[in-house]
């Protein structure tokens, strides 16, 4: 085990696990970014609930939210790091993993500060329904992100995370990647939205998305309705246009907004110490890594998964 507070060692071990040849496009990076984002994106500024404190996805009420489908893979990938550095909280580990993944995939350096604690039970979990629905439009996007305290510019910058990863029909219902190289951070997402013709396609499951067939790469790319809403909305579009032509500006704005995202729900004093009530009462509480033996077949285990997801993940776990 590393010395408590040795976050550099944790960073190195996160970076070392990103290469996963048998997972998606060969990298765990995109799903770790999604884990960090979803662990914080439940924040409600009006009620000051949700956010990155607590690591609520350890519990079924949050981990089993359909909007978090597939994130059990990210949590599985990080278990060896948690085992080696048992002093770090899951809440810190999940957010740090997203930051490390962005940098390792040629993205910007995102500021990250430690101090989040892990909830001791599920009594403070936010209600479901606070994460975005990709099938919706601009009004929905604003409803979700304004609730967290973001403005239109920040919404567009944060949406640039769709340069990474892909959708899976067995998780979100959508299918495919946004860009040709979904494991390298760039501004390609914005450039493609503006430069390609996107045609509506109804998948076999009834889900509607938009696609463009790239003849050079012999690949079909996709966009969600919420993605193209950024182009059709008169307030969002200027930011899409700016980020499409100015990669450096996008990187700078994305780094700032992602740092803001992973601090949602966190209160700090002048010295940077987290002063949320759970932290003051319980200190830096790192939830223990539970026994490796799965629980009862009809119960959700330590990864927030039940059958058939547990069986699906056995192969991943065996290689870690």
Protein backbone atom coordinates (compact mmCIF):
# COMPACT_ATOMS: atom_id res chain seq x y z
CA UNK A 1 0.00 0.00 0.00
CA UNK A 2 1.21 3.51 -0.77
CA UNK A 3 1.64 6.24 1.81
CA UNK A 4 -1.66 8.07 2.49
CA UNK A 5 -1.77 11.25 0.45
CA UNK A 6 0.55 9.98 -2.29
CA UNK A 7 -1.78 11.00 -5.10
CA UNK A 8 1.08 10.92 -7.62
CA UNK A 9 1.34 7.16 -7.09
CA UNK A 10 -2.42 6.81 -7.59
CA UNK A 11 -2.18 8.83 -10.80
CA UNK A 12 0.54 6.54 -12.13
CA UNK A 13 -1.50 3.42 -11.44
CA UNK A 14 -4.59 4.88 -13.08
CA UNK A 15 -2.57 5.76 -16.17
CA UNK A 16 -1.13 2.23 -16.25
CA UNK A 17 -4.55 0.57 -16.45
CA UNK A 18 -5.95 2.66 -19.32
CA UNK A 19 -4.72 0.24 -21.97
CA UNK A 20 -7.46 -2.41 -22.20
CA UNK A 21 -7.14 -4.16 -25.60
CA UNK A 22 -10.36 -6.14 -25.23
CA UNK A 23 -12.56 -3.26 -24.08
CA UNK A 24 -14.29 -0.95 -26.56
CA UNK A 25 -11.61 0.84 -28.60
CA UNK A 26 -8.77 -0.55 -26.52
CA UNK A 27 -8.94 1.98 -23.72
CA UNK A 28 -10.66 2.36 -20.37
CA UNK A 29 -10.09 6.11 -20.61
CA UNK A 30 -13.45 7.22 -22.02
CA UNK A 31 -15.53 5.23 -19.53
CA UNK A 32 -13.44 6.62 -16.65
CA UNK A 33 -14.20 10.15 -17.84
CA UNK A 34 -17.89 9.25 -17.92
CA UNK A 35 -17.66 7.83 -14.40
CA UNK A 36 -16.15 11.07 -13.08
CA UNK A 37 -18.76 13.14 -14.86
CA UNK A 38 -21.73 11.06 -13.70
CA UNK A 39 -20.44 10.90 -10.13
CA UNK A 40 -20.67 14.70 -9.97
CA UNK A 41 -23.49 15.49 -12.43
CA UNK A 42 -26.28 14.79 -9.95
CA UNK A 43 -25.74 18.15 -8.26
CA UNK A 44 -28.68 20.49 -7.67
CA UNK A 45 -27.61 24.03 -6.81
CA UNK A 46 -31.07 24.91 -5.52
CA UNK A 47 -31.11 22.24 -2.82
CA UNK A 48 -27.34 21.78 -2.54
CA UNK A 49 -27.70 18.01 -2.93
CA UNK A 50 -25.88 15.51 -5.08
CA UNK A 51 -22.44 16.14 -6.52
CA UNK A 52 -19.06 14.42 -6.30
CA UNK A 53 -18.99 13.82 -2.54
CA UNK A 54 -20.00 10.40 -1.23
CA UNK A 55 -19.39 8.02 -4.18
CA UNK A 56 -23.08 7.17 -4.26
CA UNK A 57 -22.79 4.76 -7.16
CA UNK A 58 -21.59 2.17 -4.67
CA UNK A 59 -25.27 1.81 -3.80
CA UNK A 60 -28.00 0.41 -6.03
CA UNK A 61 -30.17 3.52 -5.73
CA UNK A 62 -27.58 5.46 -7.76
CA UNK A 63 -25.42 2.79 -9.34
CA UNK A 64 -28.52 1.10 -10.75
CA UNK A 65 -29.86 4.27 -12.34
CA UNK A 66 -30.35 3.48 -16.07
CA UNK A 67 -28.42 6.68 -16.84
CA UNK A 68 -25.38 5.03 -15.23
CA UNK A 69 -25.61 1.81 -17.24
CA UNK A 70 -22.17 0.56 -18.21
CA UNK A 71 -20.29 2.44 -15.50
CA UNK A 72 -19.83 -0.78 -13.58
CA UNK A 73 -17.03 -1.44 -16.09
CA UNK A 74 -15.22 1.73 -14.98
CA UNK A 75 -15.61 0.82 -11.33
CA UNK A 76 -14.24 -2.67 -12.01
CA UNK A 77 -11.19 -1.24 -13.80
CA UNK A 78 -10.40 0.91 -10.76
CA UNK A 79 -10.71 -1.81 -8.11
CA UNK A 80 -7.01 -2.86 -8.30
CA UNK A 81 -6.04 0.79 -7.72
CA UNK A 82 -8.37 0.98 -4.73
CA UNK A 83 -6.91 -2.27 -3.40
CA UNK A 84 -3.36 -0.96 -3.69
CA UNK A 85 -4.17 2.50 -2.29
CA UNK A 86 -6.89 1.63 0.19
CA UNK A 87 -6.58 5.00 1.95
CA UNK A 88 -8.07 6.94 -0.99
CA UNK A 89 -11.82 7.41 -1.04
CA UNK A 90 -13.87 6.15 -3.94
CA UNK A 91 -15.16 9.70 -4.42
CA UNK A 92 -11.62 11.00 -4.89
CA UNK A 93 -10.52 7.99 -6.94
CA UNK A 94 -13.38 8.27 -9.43
CA UNK A 95 -12.89 11.98 -10.07
CA UNK A 96 -9.11 11.70 -10.23
CA UNK A 97 -9.41 8.83 -12.70
CA UNK A 98 -11.37 11.05 -15.07
CA UNK A 99 -8.78 13.80 -14.85
CA UNK A 100 -5.89 11.39 -15.45
CA UNK A 101 -7.69 9.76 -18.38
CA UNK A 102 -8.29 13.11 -20.10
CA UNK A 103 -4.62 14.03 -19.85
CA UNK A 104 -3.40 10.59 -20.97
CA UNK A 105 -5.66 10.80 -24.03
CA UNK A 106 -3.91 14.00 -25.17
CA UNK A 107 -6.37 16.31 -23.45
CA UNK A 108 -5.74 19.31 -21.21
CA UNK A 109 -4.50 19.28 -17.63
CA UNK A 110 -7.57 19.58 -15.39
CA UNK A 111 -7.17 20.91 -11.86
CA UNK A 112 -8.05 18.30 -9.25
CA UNK A 113 -8.13 18.68 -5.47
CA UNK A 114 -8.61 15.84 -2.96
CA UNK A 115 -10.76 15.64 0.14
CA UNK A 116 -14.05 14.02 -0.89
CA UNK A 117 -15.39 11.45 1.52
CA UNK A 118 -17.41 8.26 1.01
CA UNK A 119 -20.94 8.06 2.40
CA UNK A 120 -21.44 5.42 5.08
CA UNK A 121 -24.96 4.60 3.81
CA UNK A 122 -27.39 5.52 1.04
CA UNK A 123 -29.50 8.02 3.00
CA UNK A 124 -28.10 11.09 1.21
CA UNK A 125 -28.24 9.89 -2.37
CA UNK A 126 -29.90 12.21 -4.89
CA UNK A 127 -33.06 11.12 -6.70
CA UNK A 128 -32.78 9.58 -10.14
CA UNK A 129 -33.51 11.66 -13.21
CA UNK A 130 -30.86 14.35 -12.78
CA UNK A 131 -28.56 13.20 -15.59
CA UNK A 132 -29.04 14.18 -19.26
CA UNK A 133 -31.26 12.28 -21.68
CA UNK A 134 -29.57 12.23 -25.08
CA UNK A 135 -32.91 11.91 -26.87
CA UNK A 136 -34.01 15.40 -25.83
CA UNK A 137 -33.40 18.93 -27.11
CA UNK A 138 -32.06 22.31 -26.04
CA UNK A 139 -34.69 22.98 -23.35
CA UNK A 140 -33.83 19.71 -21.62
CA UNK A 141 -30.10 20.43 -21.83
CA UNK A 142 -30.57 23.79 -20.14
CA UNK A 143 -32.85 22.34 -17.49
CA UNK A 144 -30.23 19.74 -16.55
CA UNK A 145 -27.15 21.94 -16.67
CA UNK A 146 -28.62 25.19 -15.33
CA UNK A 147 -29.68 23.16 -12.28
CA UNK A 148 -26.00 22.41 -11.69
CA UNK A 149 -25.01 26.05 -12.15
CA UNK A 150 -23.58 26.00 -15.69
CA UNK A 151 -24.18 28.61 -18.40
CA UNK A 152 -24.54 28.09 -22.16
CA UNK A 153 -20.82 28.40 -22.90
CA UNK A 154 -19.96 25.88 -20.21
CA UNK A 155 -22.62 23.48 -21.47
CA UNK A 156 -21.11 23.44 -24.96
CA UNK A 157 -17.55 23.09 -23.63
CA UNK A 158 -18.53 20.19 -21.37
CA UNK A 159 -20.36 18.51 -24.25
CA UNK A 160 -16.96 18.30 -25.93
CA UNK A 161 -16.34 15.22 -23.80
CA UNK A 162 -18.18 13.44 -26.62
CA UNK A 163 -14.86 13.52 -28.47
CA UNK A 164 -14.24 10.42 -26.34
CA UNK A 165 -15.85 7.01 -26.26
CA UNK A 166 -18.93 5.58 -27.88
CA UNK A 167 -22.56 4.72 -27.16
CA UNK A 168 -23.81 1.17 -26.62
CA UNK A 169 -27.32 0.08 -27.46
CA UNK A 170 -27.45 -2.15 -24.37
CA UNK A 171 -26.68 0.82 -22.11
CA UNK A 172 -27.98 4.17 -23.36
CA UNK A 173 -29.92 2.72 -26.28
CA UNK A 174 -27.79 4.69 -28.75
CA UNK A 175 -25.04 3.08 -30.80
CA UNK A 176 -21.69 4.17 -32.19
CA UNK A 177 -18.88 6.68 -31.78
CA UNK A 178 -19.04 10.43 -32.33
CA UNK A 179 -15.58 10.65 -33.93
CA UNK A 180 -13.18 8.40 -35.82
CA UNK A 181 -10.60 8.30 -33.02
CA UNK A 182 -12.61 8.08 -29.79
CA UNK A 183 -9.61 7.56 -27.52
CA UNK A 184 -7.86 10.84 -28.38
CA UNK A 185 -9.13 14.12 -26.97
CA UNK A 186 -9.62 16.82 -29.61
CA UNK A 187 -12.12 19.31 -31.02
CA UNK A 188 -13.14 16.93 -33.83
CA UNK A 189 -16.62 16.53 -32.31
CA UNK A 190 -17.41 20.19 -32.99
CA UNK A 191 -15.85 20.20 -36.45
CA UNK A 192 -17.84 17.15 -37.53
CA UNK A 193 -21.12 18.56 -36.25
CA UNK A 194 -20.69 21.56 -38.53
CA UNK A 195 -19.02 20.00 -41.56
CA UNK A 196 -20.96 16.77 -42.06
CA UNK A 197 -24.52 16.00 -43.09
CA UNK A 198 -26.34 14.13 -40.35
CA UNK A 199 -29.30 11.96 -41.28
CA UNK A 200 -31.86 10.64 -38.86
CA UNK A 201 -31.72 6.90 -38.24
CA UNK A 202 -34.07 4.76 -36.21
CA UNK A 203 -32.31 1.85 -34.58
CA UNK A 204 -33.85 -1.59 -34.19
CA UNK A 205 -34.65 -0.78 -30.57
CA UNK A 206 -36.69 2.24 -31.69
CA UNK A 207 -34.15 4.83 -30.53
CA UNK A 208 -33.63 7.80 -32.84
CA UNK A 209 -30.15 9.16 -33.51
CA UNK A 210 -28.32 10.89 -36.35
CA UNK A 211 -25.60 9.33 -38.48
CA UNK A 212 -22.99 10.16 -41.09
CA UNK A 213 -21.23 7.49 -43.10
CA UNK A 214 -17.52 8.25 -43.45
CA UNK A 215 -16.51 6.64 -46.75
CA UNK A 216 -12.78 7.17 -46.21
CA UNK A 217 -12.82 5.37 -42.87
CA UNK A 218 -15.63 2.99 -43.87
CA UNK A 219 -17.34 3.86 -40.62
CA UNK A 220 -20.69 5.22 -39.53
CA UNK A 221 -20.43 8.03 -36.99
CA UNK A 222 -23.30 9.20 -34.83
CA UNK A 223 -24.69 12.23 -33.03
CA UNK A 224 -27.36 12.39 -30.36
CA UNK A 225 -30.35 14.71 -30.62
CA UNK A 226 -28.83 16.67 -27.73
CA UNK A 227 -25.59 17.04 -29.70
CA UNK A 228 -27.24 18.54 -32.76
CA UNK A 229 -29.35 20.77 -30.53
CA UNK A 230 -26.12 22.64 -29.86
CA UNK A 231 -25.96 23.52 -33.56
CA UNK A 232 -29.61 24.48 -34.04
CA UNK A 233 -29.87 26.63 -30.91
CA UNK A 234 -28.84 30.27 -31.57
CA UNK A 235 -27.14 30.66 -28.18
CA UNK A 236 -25.23 27.39 -28.23
CA UNK A 237 -24.12 27.50 -31.88
CA UNK A 238 -21.55 30.35 -31.64
CA UNK A 239 -19.64 28.34 -29.06
CA UNK A 240 -19.73 25.25 -31.28
CA UNK A 241 -18.32 27.35 -34.12
CA UNK A 242 -15.60 28.83 -31.88
CA UNK A 243 -14.46 25.48 -30.53
CA UNK A 244 -14.50 23.94 -34.02
CA UNK A 245 -11.92 26.44 -35.24
CA UNK A 246 -9.96 27.11 -32.02
CA UNK A 247 -8.69 23.93 -30.38
CA UNK A 248 -6.64 25.77 -27.79
CA UNK A 249 -9.63 27.80 -26.62
CA UNK A 250 -11.72 24.64 -26.38
CA UNK A 251 -9.04 22.86 -24.35
CA UNK A 252 -8.77 25.80 -21.95
CA UNK A 253 -12.53 26.14 -21.52
CA UNK A 254 -13.03 22.39 -21.15
CA UNK A 255 -10.34 22.15 -18.48
CA UNK A 256 -12.03 24.93 -16.53
CA UNK A 257 -15.55 23.52 -16.76
CA UNK A 258 -14.52 19.93 -16.00
CA UNK A 259 -12.68 21.16 -12.91
CA UNK A 260 -15.86 22.97 -11.89
CA UNK A 261 -17.93 19.84 -12.55
CA UNK A 262 -15.94 17.55 -10.26
CA UNK A 263 -16.12 20.15 -7.47
CA UNK A 264 -19.92 20.31 -7.55
CA UNK A 265 -21.34 19.80 -4.07
CA UNK A 266 -17.94 20.36 -2.44
CA UNK A 267 -17.39 23.20 0.04
CA UNK A 268 -13.84 24.21 0.93
CA UNK A 269 -12.34 26.66 3.38
CA UNK A 270 -9.63 29.18 2.55
CA UNK A 271 -7.00 26.46 2.83
CA UNK A 272 -8.80 24.11 0.44
CA UNK A 273 -9.99 21.75 3.15
CA UNK A 274 -13.40 20.19 2.45
CA UNK A 275 -15.91 21.39 5.04
CA UNK A 276 -19.06 19.52 4.03
CA UNK A 277 -20.92 18.24 7.07
CA UNK A 278 -20.13 14.59 6.29
CA UNK A 279 -16.44 15.42 6.05
CA UNK A 280 -16.39 17.43 9.28
CA UNK A 281 -18.27 14.75 11.21
CA UNK A 282 -16.63 11.66 9.76
CA UNK A 283 -13.33 12.95 8.45
CA UNK A 284 -11.75 11.52 5.32
CA UNK A 285 -13.76 8.30 5.32
CA UNK A 286 -12.52 5.81 2.75
CA UNK A 287 -15.05 3.06 2.20
CA UNK A 288 -13.27 -0.30 2.51
CA UNK A 289 -12.73 -2.51 -0.49
CA UNK A 290 -15.16 -5.32 0.17
CA UNK A 291 -14.40 -9.01 -0.05
CA UNK A 292 -13.85 -10.33 -3.56
CA UNK A 293 -16.49 -13.04 -3.15
CA UNK A 294 -19.79 -11.83 -4.69
CA UNK A 295 -22.83 -11.63 -2.46
CA UNK A 296 -26.14 -13.37 -2.94
CA UNK A 297 -27.08 -13.84 -6.63
CA UNK A 298 -30.19 -11.70 -6.25
CA UNK A 299 -28.36 -8.80 -4.62
CA UNK A 300 -26.19 -6.02 -6.02
CA UNK A 301 -22.53 -6.56 -5.19
CA UNK A 302 -19.64 -4.21 -4.43
CA UNK A 303 -19.44 -3.03 -8.02
CA UNK A 304 -23.09 -1.91 -8.04
CA UNK A 305 -23.99 -4.77 -10.36
CA UNK A 306 -26.27 -7.76 -10.32
CA UNK A 307 -26.85 -10.53 -12.84
CA UNK A 308 -26.27 -10.52 -15.77
CA UNK A 309 -23.77 -7.68 -15.44
CA UNK A 310 -21.74 -9.58 -12.87
CA UNK A 311 -21.17 -12.43 -15.30
CA UNK A 312 -20.29 -10.03 -18.10
CA UNK A 313 -17.60 -8.40 -15.97
CA UNK A 314 -15.90 -11.60 -14.80
CA UNK A 315 -13.70 -11.58 -17.87
CA UNK A 316 -12.58 -8.00 -17.27
CA UNK A 317 -11.94 -8.60 -13.59
CA UNK A 318 -9.84 -11.69 -14.29
CA UNK A 319 -7.36 -9.65 -16.34
CA UNK A 320 -6.86 -6.88 -13.76
